[in-house]
Amino acid sequence: MFHDLLNLFYPQICNCCDKPLLKHEAVICTLCLHQLPLTGYHNDNENATKKVFDARLSLENATSLLYFGKKGLVQYLIHNLKYRKQEEVSAFLGRWLSEELAYCSNFREVDCVVPVPLHRKKLKTRGFNQVAGFGKELASSLNATYIDDVLVKKSSSLTQTLKKRVGRWGMLEETFMLKNRQKLENRHILLVDDLVTTGATLEACGNKLLTIKNTKLSIATMAITH
């Protein structure tokens, strides 16, 4: 009864199509769920996400949950997460990828999950890191520790053009710093982000993390451009 009244005045809508959700649905409607393009990358360790970082970053494993296409459902989903503050999308995708990884041995040795950080100004404006829920769900399912206070972004975002340019020079790493690095010593780190495009940001963060003593690195993202 209470749920019906609440839904009457504050209807829950699908984060992909904006249509009202049914009682048994959450975050994304059943129809959209069946249309979201899964990559299945966790079943193939020589996948497109890992190949983005060939000769750029030493990785144990890498995966992305969904394919991202312009004007597609995944683009709208991630847009809602980041700009309409639909934070529940992050945890939902984390649980979904966790279910996929439950039958995969590649990520079982992960000790800790680290999100790509936001600069403090952007974090204050948005109110949350869009990959926090995603990372926390993965950490829980992998019996790993979620650690978000070691890798820090120390300067605000570069333009995409400049990001590509400095990414080639390896200078994007200078926008990130490490604090309390001993927390990640002797660990297998899973670095998480929302989207793989050029891979420049993940490369910069990954190389910074690999300067920590005796670390291994894997990557997981919500989506990859396709």
Protein backbone atom coordinates (compact mmCIF):
# COMPACT_ATOMS: atom_id res chain seq x y z
CA MET A 1 0.00 0.00 0.00
CA PHE A 2 2.73 2.46 1.02
CA HIS A 3 4.79 1.50 -2.03
CA ASP A 4 1.78 2.14 -4.28
CA LEU A 5 1.17 5.58 -2.77
CA LEU A 6 4.85 6.49 -2.96
CA ASN A 7 5.02 5.39 -6.57
CA LEU A 8 1.91 7.39 -7.38
CA PHE A 9 3.47 10.67 -6.26
CA TYR A 10 7.15 9.83 -6.88
CA PRO A 11 7.19 7.23 -9.65
CA GLN A 12 10.42 5.28 -10.09
CA ILE A 13 11.55 5.38 -13.71
CA CYS A 14 13.94 3.32 -15.81
CA ASN A 15 17.38 4.92 -16.16
CA CYS A 16 17.56 3.84 -19.81
CA CYS A 17 14.12 4.70 -21.24
CA ASP A 18 12.48 6.94 -18.60
CA LYS A 19 9.37 4.74 -18.47
CA PRO A 20 7.84 3.85 -15.06
CA LEU A 21 9.29 0.78 -13.38
CA LEU A 22 7.05 -2.08 -12.31
CA LYS A 23 6.95 -3.24 -8.68
CA HIS A 24 9.49 -6.02 -9.21
CA GLU A 25 11.88 -3.82 -11.21
CA ALA A 26 14.71 -1.59 -9.96
CA VAL A 27 16.95 0.96 -11.66
CA ILE A 28 16.49 -0.48 -15.19
CA CYS A 29 13.33 -1.99 -16.64
CA THR A 30 13.28 -5.60 -17.83
CA LEU A 31 12.92 -4.63 -21.49
CA CYS A 32 15.99 -2.37 -21.40
CA LEU A 33 17.99 -4.93 -19.42
CA HIS A 34 17.57 -7.41 -22.24
CA GLN A 35 18.71 -4.80 -24.77
CA LEU A 36 21.89 -3.71 -22.99
CA PRO A 37 24.92 -5.04 -24.92
CA LEU A 38 27.05 -7.24 -22.66
CA THR A 39 30.67 -7.73 -23.70
CA GLY A 40 31.41 -11.08 -22.05
CA TYR A 41 35.03 -9.91 -21.80
CA HIS A 42 35.59 -11.63 -18.45
CA ASN A 43 35.58 -14.94 -20.32
CA ASP A 44 38.45 -13.88 -22.60
CA ASN A 45 41.53 -12.29 -21.08
CA GLU A 46 42.75 -11.14 -24.52
CA ASN A 47 39.76 -8.85 -24.93
CA ALA A 48 39.42 -5.34 -26.36
CA THR A 49 39.65 -3.61 -22.97
CA LYS A 50 42.96 -5.28 -22.17
CA LYS A 51 44.26 -4.64 -25.69
CA VAL A 52 43.70 -0.89 -25.24
CA PHE A 53 46.62 -0.99 -22.80
CA ASP A 54 48.99 -3.23 -24.77
CA ALA A 55 52.56 -1.89 -24.45
CA ARG A 56 51.19 0.90 -22.24
CA LEU A 57 50.33 -0.75 -18.94
CA SER A 58 51.25 -4.04 -17.29
CA LEU A 59 47.94 -5.75 -16.51
CA GLU A 60 46.94 -9.10 -15.06
CA ASN A 61 43.33 -8.92 -16.24
CA ALA A 62 40.86 -6.42 -17.67
CA THR A 63 37.14 -6.36 -18.41
CA SER A 64 34.23 -4.07 -19.24
CA LEU A 65 30.60 -4.97 -18.58
CA LEU A 66 28.86 -3.19 -21.49
CA TYR A 67 29.48 -1.78 -24.95
CA PHE A 68 29.04 2.00 -25.16
CA GLY A 69 27.69 3.48 -28.39
CA LYS A 70 26.75 7.07 -29.16
CA LYS A 71 23.05 7.80 -28.54
CA GLY A 72 22.57 4.27 -27.23
CA LEU A 73 21.04 2.97 -24.01
CA VAL A 74 24.41 2.68 -22.27
CA GLN A 75 25.28 6.30 -23.03
CA TYR A 76 21.96 7.43 -21.57
CA LEU A 77 22.44 5.18 -18.54
CA ILE A 78 25.88 6.58 -17.72
CA HIS A 79 24.65 10.13 -18.42
CA ASN A 80 21.90 9.63 -15.84
CA LEU A 81 24.44 8.32 -13.36
CA LYS A 82 26.84 11.23 -13.75
CA TYR A 83 24.64 14.22 -14.52
CA ARG A 84 21.21 13.36 -13.10
CA LYS A 85 22.84 11.96 -9.96
CA GLN A 86 21.24 8.53 -10.25
CA GLU A 87 23.83 7.02 -7.93
CA GLU A 88 22.00 3.70 -7.69
CA VAL A 89 23.06 2.94 -11.29
CA SER A 90 26.67 2.57 -10.14
CA ALA A 91 25.90 -0.09 -7.52
CA PHE A 92 23.49 -1.86 -9.89
CA LEU A 93 26.20 -2.26 -12.53
CA GLY A 94 28.67 -3.35 -9.85
CA ARG A 95 26.31 -6.10 -8.72
CA TRP A 96 25.74 -7.15 -12.33
CA LEU A 97 29.44 -7.45 -13.10
CA SER A 98 29.94 -9.25 -9.78
CA GLU A 99 27.45 -11.90 -10.91
CA GLU A 100 29.35 -12.30 -14.17
CA LEU A 101 32.70 -12.63 -12.36
CA ALA A 102 31.33 -15.22 -9.91
CA TYR A 103 31.99 -17.92 -12.50
CA CYS A 104 35.35 -16.54 -13.59
CA SER A 105 38.69 -17.31 -11.93
CA ASN A 106 40.62 -14.37 -13.42
CA PHE A 107 39.75 -11.85 -10.72
CA ARG A 108 39.73 -14.06 -7.61
CA GLU A 109 43.19 -12.95 -6.47
CA VAL A 110 42.20 -9.27 -6.24
CA ASP A 111 42.98 -7.88 -2.76
CA CYS A 112 41.63 -4.36 -3.07
CA VAL A 113 39.49 -2.17 -5.32
CA VAL A 114 40.56 1.40 -6.12
CA PRO A 115 38.38 3.90 -8.02
CA VAL A 116 39.69 6.44 -10.51
CA PRO A 117 39.42 9.55 -8.31
CA LEU A 118 37.65 12.84 -8.96
CA HIS A 119 39.26 16.18 -8.19
CA ARG A 120 37.86 17.55 -4.93
CA LYS A 121 36.06 20.40 -6.73
CA LYS A 122 34.23 18.03 -9.06
CA LEU A 123 33.49 15.69 -6.16
CA LYS A 124 31.95 18.59 -4.25
CA THR A 125 29.88 19.66 -7.27
CA ARG A 126 28.62 16.17 -8.14
CA GLY A 127 28.35 15.00 -4.55
CA PHE A 128 29.71 11.50 -5.22
CA ASN A 129 32.24 9.57 -7.28
CA GLN A 130 30.23 7.84 -9.99
CA VAL A 131 32.30 4.65 -9.74
CA ALA A 132 32.13 4.33 -5.94
CA GLY A 133 29.05 2.12 -5.85
CA PHE A 134 30.40 0.02 -8.71
CA GLY A 135 33.71 -0.49 -6.93
CA LYS A 136 32.19 -1.23 -3.54
CA GLU A 137 29.93 -3.93 -4.96
CA LEU A 138 32.88 -5.56 -6.72
CA ALA A 139 34.99 -5.37 -3.55
CA SER A 140 32.23 -7.03 -1.55
CA SER A 141 31.78 -9.89 -4.02
CA LEU A 142 35.54 -10.47 -4.35
CA ASN A 143 36.15 -10.31 -0.58
CA ALA A 144 38.47 -7.39 -1.28
CA THR A 145 38.95 -4.04 0.44
CA TYR A 146 37.61 -0.85 -1.13
CA ILE A 147 40.29 1.85 -0.79
CA ASP A 148 39.66 5.40 -2.03
CA ASP A 149 42.16 7.45 -0.03
CA VAL A 150 45.46 6.43 -1.67
CA LEU A 151 45.08 7.45 -5.32
CA VAL A 152 44.19 11.16 -5.41
CA LYS A 153 43.58 13.61 -8.25
CA LYS A 154 45.54 16.76 -7.51
CA SER A 155 44.55 18.96 -10.47
CA SER A 156 41.28 19.59 -12.26
CA SER A 157 40.42 17.95 -15.57
CA LEU A 158 42.27 18.72 -18.77
CA THR A 159 40.43 19.25 -22.03
CA GLN A 160 39.99 16.07 -24.08
CA THR A 161 42.39 17.36 -26.76
CA LEU A 162 45.08 18.14 -24.23
CA LYS A 163 44.39 14.87 -22.42
CA LYS A 164 45.15 12.93 -25.61
CA ARG A 165 48.32 14.96 -26.18
CA VAL A 166 49.72 14.63 -22.67
CA GLY A 167 48.58 11.01 -22.53
CA ARG A 168 50.99 10.22 -25.35
CA TRP A 169 53.77 11.98 -23.47
CA GLY A 170 52.97 10.12 -20.27
CA MET A 171 52.41 13.40 -18.42
CA LEU A 172 48.79 12.80 -17.45
CA GLU A 173 50.23 10.84 -14.52
CA GLU A 174 51.26 14.16 -13.01
CA THR A 175 47.59 15.00 -12.35
CA PHE A 176 47.44 12.12 -9.85
CA MET A 177 49.31 11.47 -6.62
CA LEU A 178 49.58 8.76 -3.96
CA LYS A 179 48.95 9.12 -0.24
CA ASN A 180 49.52 6.42 2.38
CA ARG A 181 50.94 4.20 -0.36
CA GLN A 182 51.85 1.51 2.17
CA LYS A 183 48.14 0.57 2.26
CA LEU A 184 48.52 -0.90 -1.22
CA GLU A 185 51.91 -2.58 -0.88
CA ASN A 186 51.99 -6.28 -1.80
CA ARG A 187 48.45 -6.11 -3.21
CA HIS A 188 46.62 -7.11 -6.37
CA ILE A 189 44.70 -3.93 -7.18
CA LEU A 190 41.51 -3.75 -9.23
CA LEU A 191 41.29 -0.23 -10.70
CA VAL A 192 37.72 0.73 -11.63
CA ASP A 193 36.23 3.44 -13.84
CA ASP A 194 33.02 4.14 -15.72
CA LEU A 195 34.20 4.14 -19.34
CA VAL A 196 37.21 3.17 -21.46
CA THR A 197 37.74 5.50 -24.41
CA THR A 198 41.38 6.34 -25.19
CA GLY A 199 42.50 4.68 -21.95
CA ALA A 200 44.69 7.68 -21.07
CA THR A 201 43.25 8.28 -17.60
CA LEU A 202 43.32 4.61 -16.62
CA GLU A 203 46.86 4.34 -17.97
CA ALA A 204 47.99 7.29 -15.87
CA CYS A 205 46.33 5.96 -12.72
CA GLY A 206 47.58 2.43 -13.35
CA ASN A 207 51.19 3.44 -13.86
CA LYS A 208 51.04 5.53 -10.71
CA LEU A 209 49.72 2.55 -8.72
CA LEU A 210 52.39 0.26 -10.15
CA THR A 211 55.09 2.42 -8.54
CA ILE A 212 53.94 0.99 -5.21
CA LYS A 213 56.04 -1.90 -3.89
CA ASN A 214 55.12 -5.37 -5.20
CA THR A 215 51.75 -4.57 -6.74
CA LYS A 216 49.75 -6.28 -9.48
CA LEU A 217 47.06 -4.48 -11.45
CA SER A 218 43.76 -5.38 -13.10
CA ILE A 219 41.06 -3.11 -14.54
CA ALA A 220 37.25 -3.25 -14.59
CA THR A 221 34.93 -0.67 -16.12
CA MET A 222 31.21 -0.25 -16.60
CA ALA A 223 31.60 0.11 -20.36
CA ILE A 224 33.94 0.45 -23.33
CA THR A 225 33.37 2.54 -26.46
CA HIS A 226 32.36 0.40 -29.40
